[in-house]
Protein backbone atom coordinates (compact mmCIF):
# COMPACT_ATOMS: atom_id res chain seq x y z
CA MET A 1 4.88 18.21 19.51
CA VAL A 2 8.10 17.23 17.72
CA LYS A 3 9.39 20.02 15.44
CA THR A 4 10.35 17.66 12.61
CA ASP A 5 6.71 16.70 12.13
CA GLN A 6 5.53 20.11 10.87
CA LYS A 7 4.10 18.58 7.67
CA ALA A 8 2.06 16.07 9.65
CA THR A 9 0.76 18.80 11.94
CA ALA A 10 -0.17 21.05 9.02
CA GLN A 11 -2.19 18.29 7.35
CA LEU A 12 -4.01 17.45 10.55
CA GLU A 13 -4.88 21.09 11.22
CA LYS A 14 -6.00 21.90 7.66
CA PRO A 15 -9.51 23.38 7.90
CA THR A 16 -12.44 21.52 6.37
CA THR A 17 -16.15 22.11 6.02
CA PHE A 18 -16.85 18.39 6.32
CA ASP A 19 -18.86 17.62 9.48
CA LEU A 20 -17.39 14.35 10.74
CA ASN A 21 -19.61 14.11 13.81
CA SER A 22 -22.77 14.28 11.71
CA TYR A 23 -21.33 11.85 9.18
CA LEU A 24 -20.34 9.30 11.82
CA LYS A 25 -23.70 9.62 13.56
CA GLU A 26 -25.57 9.07 10.31
CA GLN A 27 -23.42 6.15 9.19
CA LYS A 28 -23.44 4.55 12.62
CA ALA A 29 -27.25 4.64 12.65
CA LEU A 30 -27.31 2.81 9.30
CA VAL A 31 -24.89 0.19 10.61
CA GLU A 32 -26.74 -0.26 13.91
CA THR A 33 -30.01 -0.90 12.07
CA ALA A 34 -28.36 -3.39 9.72
CA LEU A 35 -26.66 -5.22 12.60
CA ASP A 36 -29.91 -5.47 14.55
CA GLN A 37 -31.64 -6.93 11.50
CA SER A 38 -28.75 -9.27 10.69
CA LEU A 39 -29.10 -11.51 13.72
CA ALA A 40 -32.48 -12.60 15.08
CA ILE A 41 -33.04 -14.63 18.25
CA GLY A 42 -33.10 -18.35 17.48
CA ILE A 43 -32.88 -21.65 19.33
CA PRO A 44 -31.18 -22.07 21.75
CA GLU A 45 -32.03 -18.53 22.83
CA LYS A 46 -29.08 -18.15 25.20
CA ILE A 47 -26.41 -18.28 22.50
CA TYR A 48 -28.25 -15.81 20.27
CA GLU A 49 -28.81 -13.47 23.22
CA SER A 50 -25.10 -13.65 24.04
CA MET A 51 -24.11 -12.94 20.44
CA ARG A 52 -26.50 -10.00 20.19
CA TYR A 53 -25.46 -8.67 23.62
CA SER A 54 -21.94 -7.95 22.39
CA LEU A 55 -22.73 -7.26 18.73
CA LEU A 56 -25.23 -4.54 19.67
CA ALA A 57 -23.28 -3.13 22.62
CA GLY A 58 -22.37 0.07 20.80
CA GLY A 59 -18.92 1.33 19.95
CA LYS A 60 -17.70 3.60 17.17
CA ARG A 61 -18.55 1.12 14.35
CA LEU A 62 -15.40 2.42 12.68
CA ARG A 63 -14.69 -0.73 10.67
CA PRO A 64 -18.07 -1.00 8.94
CA ILE A 65 -18.13 2.76 8.35
CA LEU A 66 -14.71 2.56 6.66
CA CYS A 67 -15.94 -0.27 4.45
CA LEU A 68 -19.03 1.66 3.38
CA ALA A 69 -17.08 4.87 2.77
CA THR A 70 -14.43 3.17 0.65
CA CYS A 71 -16.98 1.28 -1.42
CA ARG A 72 -18.80 4.52 -2.24
CA LEU A 73 -15.52 6.34 -2.95
CA THR A 74 -14.49 3.72 -5.54
CA GLY A 75 -17.81 3.61 -7.36
CA GLY A 76 -19.92 1.23 -5.32
CA SER A 77 -22.93 1.69 -3.06
CA THR A 78 -23.94 1.34 0.57
CA GLU A 79 -26.18 -1.60 -0.31
CA MET A 80 -23.34 -3.51 -1.97
CA ALA A 81 -21.08 -3.12 1.05
CA MET A 82 -23.46 -3.44 4.01
CA PRO A 83 -23.30 -7.26 4.39
CA THR A 84 -19.50 -7.10 4.49
CA ALA A 85 -19.65 -4.11 6.83
CA CYS A 86 -21.80 -6.15 9.22
CA ALA A 87 -19.48 -9.14 8.89
CA LEU A 88 -16.50 -6.97 9.81
CA GLU A 89 -18.26 -5.88 12.98
CA MET A 90 -19.18 -9.50 13.77
CA ILE A 91 -15.52 -10.50 13.46
CA HIS A 92 -14.41 -7.50 15.51
CA THR A 93 -16.97 -8.34 18.20
CA MET A 94 -15.74 -11.94 18.29
CA SER A 95 -12.21 -10.70 18.87
CA LEU A 96 -13.36 -8.49 21.74
CA ILE A 97 -15.36 -11.27 23.42
CA HIS A 98 -12.39 -13.63 23.29
CA ASP A 99 -9.86 -10.91 24.16
CA ASP A 100 -11.77 -10.12 27.36
CA LEU A 101 -11.72 -13.73 28.63
CA PRO A 102 -9.72 -14.60 31.77
CA ALA A 103 -7.30 -16.64 29.64
CA MET A 104 -6.54 -13.53 27.59
CA ASP A 105 -6.83 -9.97 29.00
CA ASN A 106 -9.30 -10.81 31.80
CA ASP A 107 -11.44 -7.67 31.48
CA ASP A 108 -14.69 -7.05 33.36
CA TYR A 109 -15.98 -4.19 31.22
CA ARG A 110 -16.19 -3.45 27.50
CA ARG A 111 -17.83 -0.36 25.99
CA GLY A 112 -19.00 0.56 29.49
CA LYS A 113 -20.90 -2.71 29.99
CA LEU A 114 -20.05 -6.00 31.66
CA THR A 115 -18.06 -8.22 29.34
CA ASN A 116 -19.81 -11.16 27.72
CA HIS A 117 -18.33 -13.83 29.99
CA LYS A 118 -19.34 -11.85 33.06
CA VAL A 119 -22.97 -12.01 31.93
CA TYR A 120 -23.21 -15.40 30.21
CA GLY A 121 -20.22 -17.34 31.57
CA GLU A 122 -16.94 -18.20 29.92
CA ASP A 123 -18.31 -21.25 28.11
CA VAL A 124 -21.13 -19.39 26.36
CA ALA A 125 -18.88 -16.39 25.66
CA ILE A 126 -16.41 -18.59 23.79
CA LEU A 127 -19.23 -20.12 21.78
CA ALA A 128 -20.78 -16.71 21.09
CA GLY A 129 -17.51 -15.56 19.58
CA ASP A 130 -17.30 -18.74 17.52
CA GLY A 131 -20.88 -18.26 16.39
CA LEU A 132 -20.29 -14.66 15.27
CA LEU A 133 -17.14 -15.62 13.38
CA ALA A 134 -18.85 -18.39 11.43
CA TYR A 135 -21.93 -16.28 10.77
CA ALA A 136 -19.83 -13.43 9.36
CA PHE A 137 -18.76 -15.55 6.38
CA GLU A 138 -22.26 -16.97 5.90
CA TYR A 139 -23.71 -13.46 5.92
CA VAL A 140 -21.37 -12.14 3.23
CA ALA A 141 -22.00 -15.16 1.01
CA ASN A 142 -25.80 -15.09 1.36
CA LYS A 143 -26.61 -11.39 1.55
CA THR A 144 -24.27 -9.60 -0.86
CA ASP A 145 -26.12 -8.44 -3.98
CA ASN A 146 -25.09 -6.73 -7.23
CA VAL A 147 -21.43 -7.66 -6.78
CA ALA A 148 -19.43 -9.83 -9.19
CA PRO A 149 -19.14 -13.37 -7.71
CA GLU A 150 -15.36 -13.32 -8.05
CA ASN A 151 -15.22 -10.18 -5.92
CA ILE A 152 -17.40 -11.76 -3.23
CA ILE A 153 -14.97 -14.70 -3.16
CA LYS A 154 -12.04 -12.27 -2.84
CA VAL A 155 -13.75 -10.60 0.11
CA ILE A 156 -14.43 -13.92 1.86
CA ALA A 157 -10.82 -15.02 1.33
CA ARG A 158 -9.57 -11.68 2.62
CA LEU A 159 -11.70 -11.97 5.76
CA GLY A 160 -10.37 -15.48 6.43
CA ASN A 161 -6.76 -14.39 6.05
CA THR A 162 -7.35 -11.37 8.28
CA VAL A 163 -8.76 -13.32 11.19
CA GLY A 164 -6.38 -16.32 10.98
CA ALA A 165 -2.79 -17.05 11.96
CA GLU A 166 -1.50 -14.54 9.40
CA GLY A 167 -3.65 -11.83 10.92
CA LEU A 168 -5.55 -11.28 14.14
CA VAL A 169 -4.85 -14.68 15.72
CA GLY A 170 -1.12 -14.49 15.00
CA GLY A 171 -0.88 -11.01 16.44
CA GLN A 172 -2.77 -12.04 19.58
CA VAL A 173 -0.48 -15.03 20.18
CA LEU A 174 2.66 -12.91 19.94
CA ASP A 175 1.02 -10.28 22.15
CA LEU A 176 0.38 -12.88 24.86
CA GLU A 177 3.91 -14.28 24.53
CA SER A 178 5.38 -10.80 24.93
CA GLU A 179 3.71 -9.99 28.27
CA GLY A 180 6.21 -9.35 31.04
CA LYS A 181 9.21 -9.30 28.69
CA THR A 182 11.50 -6.27 28.81
CA ASP A 183 13.33 -6.82 25.52
CA ILE A 184 10.44 -6.27 23.08
CA THR A 185 11.59 -4.21 20.11
CA ALA A 186 9.65 -1.65 18.12
CA GLU A 187 9.69 -4.10 15.18
CA THR A 188 8.05 -6.84 17.27
CA LEU A 189 5.50 -4.43 18.66
CA SER A 190 4.70 -3.23 15.15
CA PHE A 191 4.19 -6.84 14.02
CA ILE A 192 1.82 -7.50 16.93
CA HIS A 193 -0.35 -4.47 16.29
CA THR A 194 -0.22 -4.63 12.49
CA HIS A 195 -1.72 -8.12 12.79
CA LYS A 196 -3.85 -7.89 15.93
CA THR A 197 -5.48 -4.51 15.29
CA GLY A 198 -4.31 -3.13 11.97
CA ALA A 199 -5.22 -6.14 9.82
CA LEU A 200 -8.97 -5.79 10.37
CA LEU A 201 -8.90 -2.03 9.80
CA GLU A 202 -6.95 -2.60 6.59
CA THR A 203 -9.42 -5.23 5.45
CA SER A 204 -12.34 -2.92 6.26
CA VAL A 205 -11.01 -0.41 3.74
CA VAL A 206 -9.76 -2.85 1.10
CA THR A 207 -12.89 -5.03 1.01
CA GLY A 208 -14.98 -1.92 0.34
CA ALA A 209 -12.82 -1.25 -2.70
CA ILE A 210 -12.91 -4.88 -3.85
CA LEU A 211 -16.71 -4.93 -3.71
CA ALA A 212 -16.84 -1.83 -5.91
CA GLY A 213 -14.46 -3.33 -8.46
CA ALA A 214 -11.68 -0.83 -7.78
CA SER A 215 -8.53 -0.92 -9.90
CA ALA A 216 -5.29 -2.48 -8.70
CA GLU A 217 -3.75 1.00 -8.47
CA GLU A 218 -6.58 2.20 -6.22
CA ILE A 219 -6.26 -0.83 -3.97
CA ILE A 220 -2.52 -0.23 -3.54
CA LYS A 221 -3.17 3.37 -2.42
CA LEU A 222 -6.03 2.40 -0.11
CA THR A 223 -3.97 -0.43 1.37
CA LYS A 224 -1.23 2.03 2.31
CA TYR A 225 -3.82 4.43 3.73
CA SER A 226 -5.42 1.70 5.83
CA GLN A 227 -2.13 0.25 7.07
CA ASN A 228 -1.08 3.66 8.32
CA ILE A 229 -4.35 4.47 10.07
CA GLY A 230 -4.37 0.98 11.61
CA LEU A 231 -0.97 1.41 13.22
CA ALA A 232 -1.77 4.98 14.26
CA PHE A 233 -5.00 3.71 15.84
CA GLN A 234 -3.05 1.31 18.04
CA ILE A 235 -0.44 3.89 19.03
CA ILE A 236 -3.23 6.20 20.20
CA ASP A 237 -4.87 3.29 22.03
CA ASP A 238 -1.59 2.73 23.89
CA ILE A 239 -1.44 6.41 24.78
CA LEU A 240 -5.05 6.46 25.99
CA ASP A 241 -4.47 3.42 28.20
CA ILE A 242 -2.13 5.69 30.16
CA THR A 243 -3.84 9.07 29.89
CA ALA A 244 -7.60 8.35 29.75
CA THR A 245 -10.02 7.39 32.50
CA ASP A 246 -12.11 4.22 32.80
CA GLU A 247 -15.17 6.27 31.79
CA GLN A 248 -13.50 7.63 28.65
CA LEU A 249 -12.28 4.20 27.57
CA GLY A 250 -15.40 2.24 28.51
CA LYS A 251 -13.08 -0.36 30.01
CA THR A 252 -10.39 -0.56 32.67
CA ALA A 253 -7.60 1.95 32.11
CA GLY A 254 -3.99 1.02 32.84
CA LYS A 255 -4.45 -2.66 31.93
CA ASP A 256 -1.40 -2.71 29.63
CA LEU A 257 0.86 -1.33 32.35
CA ALA A 258 -0.51 -3.74 34.95
CA ALA A 259 0.02 -6.70 32.59
CA GLN A 260 3.56 -5.48 31.81
CA LYS A 261 2.75 -5.28 28.11
CA ALA A 262 5.11 -3.58 25.72
CA THR A 263 3.47 -0.46 24.32
CA TYR A 264 4.62 2.40 22.13
CA PRO A 265 4.76 4.83 25.07
CA SER A 266 6.86 2.33 27.04
CA LEU A 267 9.34 2.18 24.15
CA TRP A 268 9.25 5.77 22.90
CA GLY A 269 7.52 7.88 25.55
CA LEU A 270 4.23 9.72 25.11
CA GLU A 271 5.51 12.66 23.04
CA LYS A 272 7.32 10.58 20.41
CA SER A 273 4.42 8.11 20.24
CA GLN A 274 2.00 10.95 19.48
CA ALA A 275 4.38 12.36 16.86
CA GLU A 276 4.76 8.97 15.17
CA ALA A 277 0.97 8.55 15.03
CA GLU A 278 0.60 11.98 13.43
CA LYS A 279 3.31 11.15 10.88
CA LEU A 280 1.49 7.94 9.93
CA ILE A 281 -1.77 9.83 9.46
CA ALA A 282 -0.09 12.48 7.29
CA GLU A 283 1.29 9.72 5.05
CA ALA A 284 -2.16 8.12 4.93
CA LEU A 285 -3.69 11.40 3.80
CA ASP A 286 -1.18 11.60 0.94
CA GLN A 287 -2.66 8.40 -0.52
CA LEU A 288 -6.05 10.10 -0.92
CA ALA A 289 -4.85 13.14 -2.88
CA SER A 290 -6.07 11.90 -6.27
CA TYR A 291 -9.67 11.54 -5.06
CA GLY A 292 -10.19 15.21 -4.25
CA GLU A 293 -13.16 16.16 -2.06
CA ALA A 294 -14.78 12.74 -2.57
CA ALA A 295 -12.32 11.27 -0.07
CA GLU A 296 -13.15 13.75 2.69
CA PRO A 297 -14.86 11.11 4.86
CA LEU A 298 -11.71 8.96 4.83
CA ARG A 299 -9.53 12.02 5.50
CA ALA A 300 -11.67 13.10 8.43
CA ILE A 301 -11.71 9.60 9.91
CA ALA A 302 -7.91 9.44 9.70
CA LYS A 303 -7.61 12.75 11.55
CA PHE A 304 -10.17 11.60 14.11
CA ILE A 305 -8.10 8.49 14.87
CA VAL A 306 -5.12 10.55 15.95
CA THR A 307 -7.03 13.24 17.88
CA ARG A 308 -9.61 11.11 19.72
CA ASN A 309 -9.69 10.93 23.52
CA HIS A 310 -11.74 7.75 23.97
């Protein structure tokens, strides 16, 4: 631990009576049920089976849980946010399906199961990702109730921006271009991960607030919170790629090193990377101060991000 990060450490170690494990288990069950109900088998069966295979493959469901939590925190309800929560997971699943393809990261396992293209073939996997992406927008538009129409439009626009060239796609392109290069700076790496990983986490939080009709001041604070946890999430991912096992990750460990990808540990080392992640989380927690105990789920999730081992 770096001595200059005493404030970050103190915030992370602050005792709480909030039971995050129970909360995540409860919220994940709600999300899993909603996801299962969101996508029935249609014709042709193969594409729907492929879409459901990856959408229902498990995972932390962190993005939809963040959306639900933020909506409730800012005066909304679970019911208002659930269609967007499901859409966020559909978009995230699309990104994983495509990221695992041979043309991208060429992974055989995801969440402890064979990747989509290993089961259904590369052609169907590409189309399954496309199908989930398109359906995400349709689902928000058709299933969101008791939300002002202008806020639904804001959410749809936000999702489009997040997944496009200004977000996930742009980050992925720069990530691919950076493989094997030895002159990648911390600024470039931050751009990659802010767009590739952080953008969807940020949108998960902010769309929850938009749906609830949160004030501009609230959205500014929650944006800062989400940007910080998004970057911290990726730093910890980079650390775990080095320190965790295949079983802990649910996918092949050491892939970043093998692909000669620039990572935070490769630039800063493990100790500084961990310290930077903790600093980001401490700053994220500062943004929640005005909410009092009502923000405990978001606080606990932030702390979980920086202490997780899988």
